[in-house]
């Protein structure tokens, strides 16, 4: 059904959201008071206290496929998150939709190409593309150097703005989801991930590029919800 985040992978998305809701309830129950919280900041303020590995922009709405959307006066701005930026490093090409194209929530919205690898990403909202970031088209690295700011990708005039954003993750739920993404990454077999995190630290920037083709495809399915 157009405009519905569950149009192509409904059961999977429902399970993801349900799991995150249960996760927050459990953390609130067992964690010390104040251990898990969302710090109130202006929209766009980048939080680095959510996880030691990846940053989160407060006030944004996140799709489980690691894209984001934020409301503006007459449109919704769209981009990729810091998890994606750290995974791909500096991209060679970011293939964006054109002005006038229609993107659909939960379906392929754009793709990133880097060192012979391709990563398809889903659009967080549905609507008509009304602007594309020329800085990303001319210098693709901007998309990952400043993913929550100058590296925005395009703007959409959503067909159902309230419904589109309601289906996304924000606030404490987004923080819990990003922590869970980091834990899922940490849980990957050591043979696949050990080289990415020297001395047990955070993944190196562009860590996805040292994965083999099969592992790269597995990451695309696991974290970016693409078949």
Protein backbone atom coordinates (compact mmCIF):
# COMPACT_ATOMS: atom_id res chain seq x y z
CA UNK A 1 0.00 0.00 0.00
CA UNK A 2 1.58 3.34 -1.01
CA UNK A 3 2.81 5.47 1.86
CA UNK A 4 3.09 2.59 4.29
CA UNK A 5 6.53 1.71 5.64
CA UNK A 6 5.47 -1.93 5.70
CA UNK A 7 4.62 -2.08 2.00
CA UNK A 8 7.42 -4.46 1.03
CA UNK A 9 8.66 -6.04 4.23
CA UNK A 10 5.70 -5.62 6.57
CA UNK A 11 6.21 -8.52 8.94
CA UNK A 12 9.93 -7.83 9.33
CA UNK A 13 9.40 -4.14 10.14
CA UNK A 14 6.63 -4.91 12.63
CA UNK A 15 8.91 -7.36 14.44
CA UNK A 16 11.74 -4.80 14.54
CA UNK A 17 9.53 -2.10 16.03
CA UNK A 18 7.93 -4.51 18.53
CA UNK A 19 11.35 -5.74 19.63
CA UNK A 20 12.61 -2.20 20.19
CA UNK A 21 9.56 -1.27 22.25
CA UNK A 22 10.09 -4.33 24.45
CA UNK A 23 13.82 -3.53 24.67
CA UNK A 24 13.14 -0.02 26.00
CA UNK A 25 10.69 -1.38 28.58
CA UNK A 26 13.27 -3.91 29.75
CA UNK A 27 16.09 -1.35 29.93
CA UNK A 28 13.92 1.01 31.95
CA UNK A 29 13.17 -1.80 34.36
CA UNK A 30 16.68 -3.14 34.94
CA UNK A 31 18.91 -0.12 34.30
CA UNK A 32 19.95 2.38 36.99
CA UNK A 33 17.82 5.51 37.01
CA UNK A 34 19.01 7.88 34.29
CA UNK A 35 21.22 5.28 32.56
CA UNK A 36 19.08 5.38 29.42
CA UNK A 37 17.66 8.77 28.48
CA UNK A 38 17.33 11.19 25.62
CA UNK A 39 18.99 14.52 26.25
CA UNK A 40 16.82 17.41 25.10
CA UNK A 41 18.67 19.35 22.41
CA UNK A 42 17.64 21.46 19.44
CA UNK A 43 16.73 19.47 16.32
CA UNK A 44 19.91 18.58 14.47
CA UNK A 45 22.18 18.56 17.52
CA UNK A 46 24.44 15.53 17.15
CA UNK A 47 24.53 13.16 20.10
CA UNK A 48 27.61 11.05 20.70
CA UNK A 49 26.50 9.63 24.03
CA UNK A 50 24.09 7.06 22.57
CA UNK A 51 26.82 4.58 21.63
CA UNK A 52 30.64 4.90 21.58
CA UNK A 53 30.59 3.87 17.93
CA UNK A 54 27.93 5.88 16.14
CA UNK A 55 26.40 9.34 16.51
CA UNK A 56 22.71 10.21 16.41
CA UNK A 57 21.12 13.54 15.47
CA UNK A 58 18.50 14.49 18.02
CA UNK A 59 15.14 15.60 16.67
CA UNK A 60 15.41 13.45 13.53
CA UNK A 61 13.18 10.50 12.55
CA UNK A 62 14.93 7.25 11.61
CA UNK A 63 14.01 4.35 9.36
CA UNK A 64 15.28 0.90 10.47
CA UNK A 65 17.19 0.82 7.17
CA UNK A 66 19.53 3.58 8.49
CA UNK A 67 18.05 6.54 6.65
CA UNK A 68 16.53 9.60 8.32
CA UNK A 69 13.96 12.33 7.75
CA UNK A 70 13.46 15.72 9.39
CA UNK A 71 10.62 18.19 8.84
CA UNK A 72 11.20 21.61 7.34
CA UNK A 73 8.77 24.42 6.55
CA UNK A 74 7.52 23.02 3.26
CA UNK A 75 9.31 19.70 2.79
CA UNK A 76 11.01 16.77 4.53
CA UNK A 77 14.80 16.56 4.31
CA UNK A 78 16.27 13.06 3.88
CA UNK A 79 19.71 11.57 4.46
CA UNK A 80 21.76 8.63 5.68
CA UNK A 81 22.88 8.05 9.26
CA UNK A 82 26.30 7.83 10.90
CA UNK A 83 26.20 4.02 10.90
CA UNK A 84 26.07 4.13 7.10
CA UNK A 85 28.74 6.81 6.96
CA UNK A 86 31.13 4.74 9.06
CA UNK A 87 30.39 1.60 7.03
CA UNK A 88 31.09 2.99 3.56
CA UNK A 89 33.75 5.60 4.36
CA UNK A 90 34.16 7.95 1.41
CA UNK A 91 31.81 6.97 -1.44
CA UNK A 92 32.72 7.32 -5.09
CA UNK A 93 29.17 7.94 -6.24
CA UNK A 94 25.82 8.58 -4.56
CA UNK A 95 23.02 7.87 -7.07
CA UNK A 96 20.11 10.07 -6.03
CA UNK A 97 16.59 10.38 -7.43
CA UNK A 98 15.85 13.34 -9.67
CA UNK A 99 13.57 16.26 -8.92
CA UNK A 100 10.06 15.15 -9.82
CA UNK A 101 10.67 11.49 -9.04
CA UNK A 102 8.48 9.81 -6.43
CA UNK A 103 10.10 7.77 -3.66
CA UNK A 104 8.16 5.32 -1.53
CA UNK A 105 8.66 4.66 2.15
CA UNK A 106 10.48 1.41 2.80
CA UNK A 107 11.47 0.96 -0.85
CA UNK A 108 14.76 1.67 -2.59
CA UNK A 109 15.42 5.39 -2.65
CA UNK A 110 19.08 5.71 -3.67
CA UNK A 111 22.33 3.78 -3.81
CA UNK A 112 25.93 4.34 -2.83
CA UNK A 113 28.91 3.07 -4.81
CA UNK A 114 32.37 2.83 -3.30
CA UNK A 115 35.43 0.87 -4.41
CA UNK A 116 33.36 -1.42 -6.59
CA UNK A 117 30.77 -2.06 -3.88
CA UNK A 118 27.12 -1.01 -4.08
CA UNK A 119 24.80 -0.34 -1.16
CA UNK A 120 21.09 0.24 -1.84
CA UNK A 121 19.17 2.21 0.78
CA UNK A 122 15.48 2.61 1.47
CA UNK A 123 13.61 5.92 1.53
CA UNK A 124 12.32 6.88 4.99
CA UNK A 125 9.25 8.74 3.64
CA UNK A 126 7.05 8.75 0.58
CA UNK A 127 6.51 11.68 -1.72
CA UNK A 128 7.76 13.76 -4.63
CA UNK A 129 11.40 14.79 -4.70
CA UNK A 130 11.52 18.60 -4.80
CA UNK A 131 15.25 19.21 -4.31
CA UNK A 132 18.52 17.29 -4.54
CA UNK A 133 21.69 18.32 -2.72
CA UNK A 134 24.11 19.54 -5.42
CA UNK A 135 27.04 19.30 -3.00
CA UNK A 136 26.58 15.52 -2.75
CA UNK A 137 26.29 15.14 -6.51
CA UNK A 138 29.56 17.00 -7.09
CA UNK A 139 31.41 15.72 -4.00
CA UNK A 140 29.88 12.41 -2.81
CA UNK A 141 32.13 12.32 0.26
CA UNK A 142 30.09 15.14 1.79
CA UNK A 143 27.25 12.65 2.38
CA UNK A 144 29.34 10.66 4.86
CA UNK A 145 31.58 13.42 6.22
CA UNK A 146 28.57 15.33 7.58
CA UNK A 147 25.59 12.96 7.26
CA UNK A 148 23.25 14.98 9.51
CA UNK A 149 24.16 18.38 8.15
CA UNK A 150 25.70 19.42 4.84
CA UNK A 151 25.52 15.83 3.60
CA UNK A 152 21.70 15.68 3.37
CA UNK A 153 20.62 13.94 0.17
CA UNK A 154 17.30 15.29 -1.06
CA UNK A 155 14.01 16.87 0.00
CA UNK A 156 10.58 15.37 -0.41
CA UNK A 157 7.09 16.84 -0.44
CA UNK A 158 5.41 13.96 1.38
CA UNK A 159 2.01 12.71 0.29
CA UNK A 160 1.10 11.79 3.88
CA UNK A 161 3.51 13.69 6.15
CA UNK A 162 2.05 12.73 9.51
CA UNK A 163 1.68 9.06 8.63
CA UNK A 164 5.17 8.88 7.12
CA UNK A 165 6.92 10.32 10.17
CA UNK A 166 4.75 8.41 12.63
CA UNK A 167 6.07 5.14 11.18
CA UNK A 168 9.69 6.12 11.94
CA UNK A 169 11.85 5.95 15.07
CA UNK A 170 12.66 9.02 17.15
CA UNK A 171 13.79 10.03 20.62
CA UNK A 172 14.45 7.22 23.06
CA UNK A 173 13.25 4.59 20.62
CA UNK A 174 15.79 5.74 18.02
CA UNK A 175 18.56 5.70 20.62
CA UNK A 176 17.68 2.12 21.64
CA UNK A 177 17.58 1.05 17.99
CA UNK A 178 21.04 2.50 17.30
CA UNK A 179 22.47 0.75 20.36
CA UNK A 180 20.94 -2.48 19.16
CA UNK A 181 22.51 -1.98 15.71
CA UNK A 182 25.90 -1.57 17.36
CA UNK A 183 25.38 -4.73 19.42
CA UNK A 184 24.33 -6.71 16.36
CA UNK A 185 27.48 -5.51 14.62
CA UNK A 186 29.57 -6.47 17.64
CA UNK A 187 28.00 -9.94 17.58
CA UNK A 188 29.19 -10.67 14.05
CA UNK A 189 31.66 -13.59 13.90
CA UNK A 190 35.19 -12.56 14.89
CA UNK A 191 36.55 -13.86 11.60
CA UNK A 192 34.43 -11.29 9.78
CA UNK A 193 34.70 -8.35 12.15
CA UNK A 194 37.94 -8.75 14.09
CA UNK A 195 40.01 -6.74 11.63
CA UNK A 196 37.45 -3.93 11.78
CA UNK A 197 37.85 -3.24 15.49
CA UNK A 198 41.55 -3.22 16.41
CA UNK A 199 42.16 -3.99 20.10
CA UNK A 200 38.42 -4.33 20.65
CA UNK A 201 37.77 -0.65 19.90
CA UNK A 202 35.29 1.00 17.60
CA UNK A 203 35.12 -0.02 13.92
CA UNK A 204 37.50 1.85 11.66
CA UNK A 205 35.92 4.32 9.22
CA UNK A 206 35.01 2.51 6.01
CA UNK A 207 35.02 -0.79 7.88
CA UNK A 208 32.60 -2.38 5.42
CA UNK A 209 35.16 -2.23 2.63
CA UNK A 210 37.35 -4.90 4.22
CA UNK A 211 34.48 -7.39 4.24
CA UNK A 212 34.31 -10.03 1.57
CA UNK A 213 31.51 -9.86 -1.04
CA UNK A 214 29.35 -12.37 0.83
CA UNK A 215 29.75 -10.52 4.13
CA UNK A 216 29.04 -7.18 2.45
CA UNK A 217 25.79 -8.59 1.04
CA UNK A 218 24.93 -10.02 4.46
CA UNK A 219 25.37 -6.59 6.05
CA UNK A 220 23.10 -5.09 3.39
CA UNK A 221 20.36 -7.57 4.23
CA UNK A 222 20.81 -7.44 8.00
CA UNK A 223 21.11 -3.69 8.54
CA UNK A 224 19.71 -2.05 5.40
CA UNK A 225 16.74 -4.36 4.79
CA UNK A 226 17.56 -4.96 1.14
CA UNK A 227 17.16 -8.36 -0.53
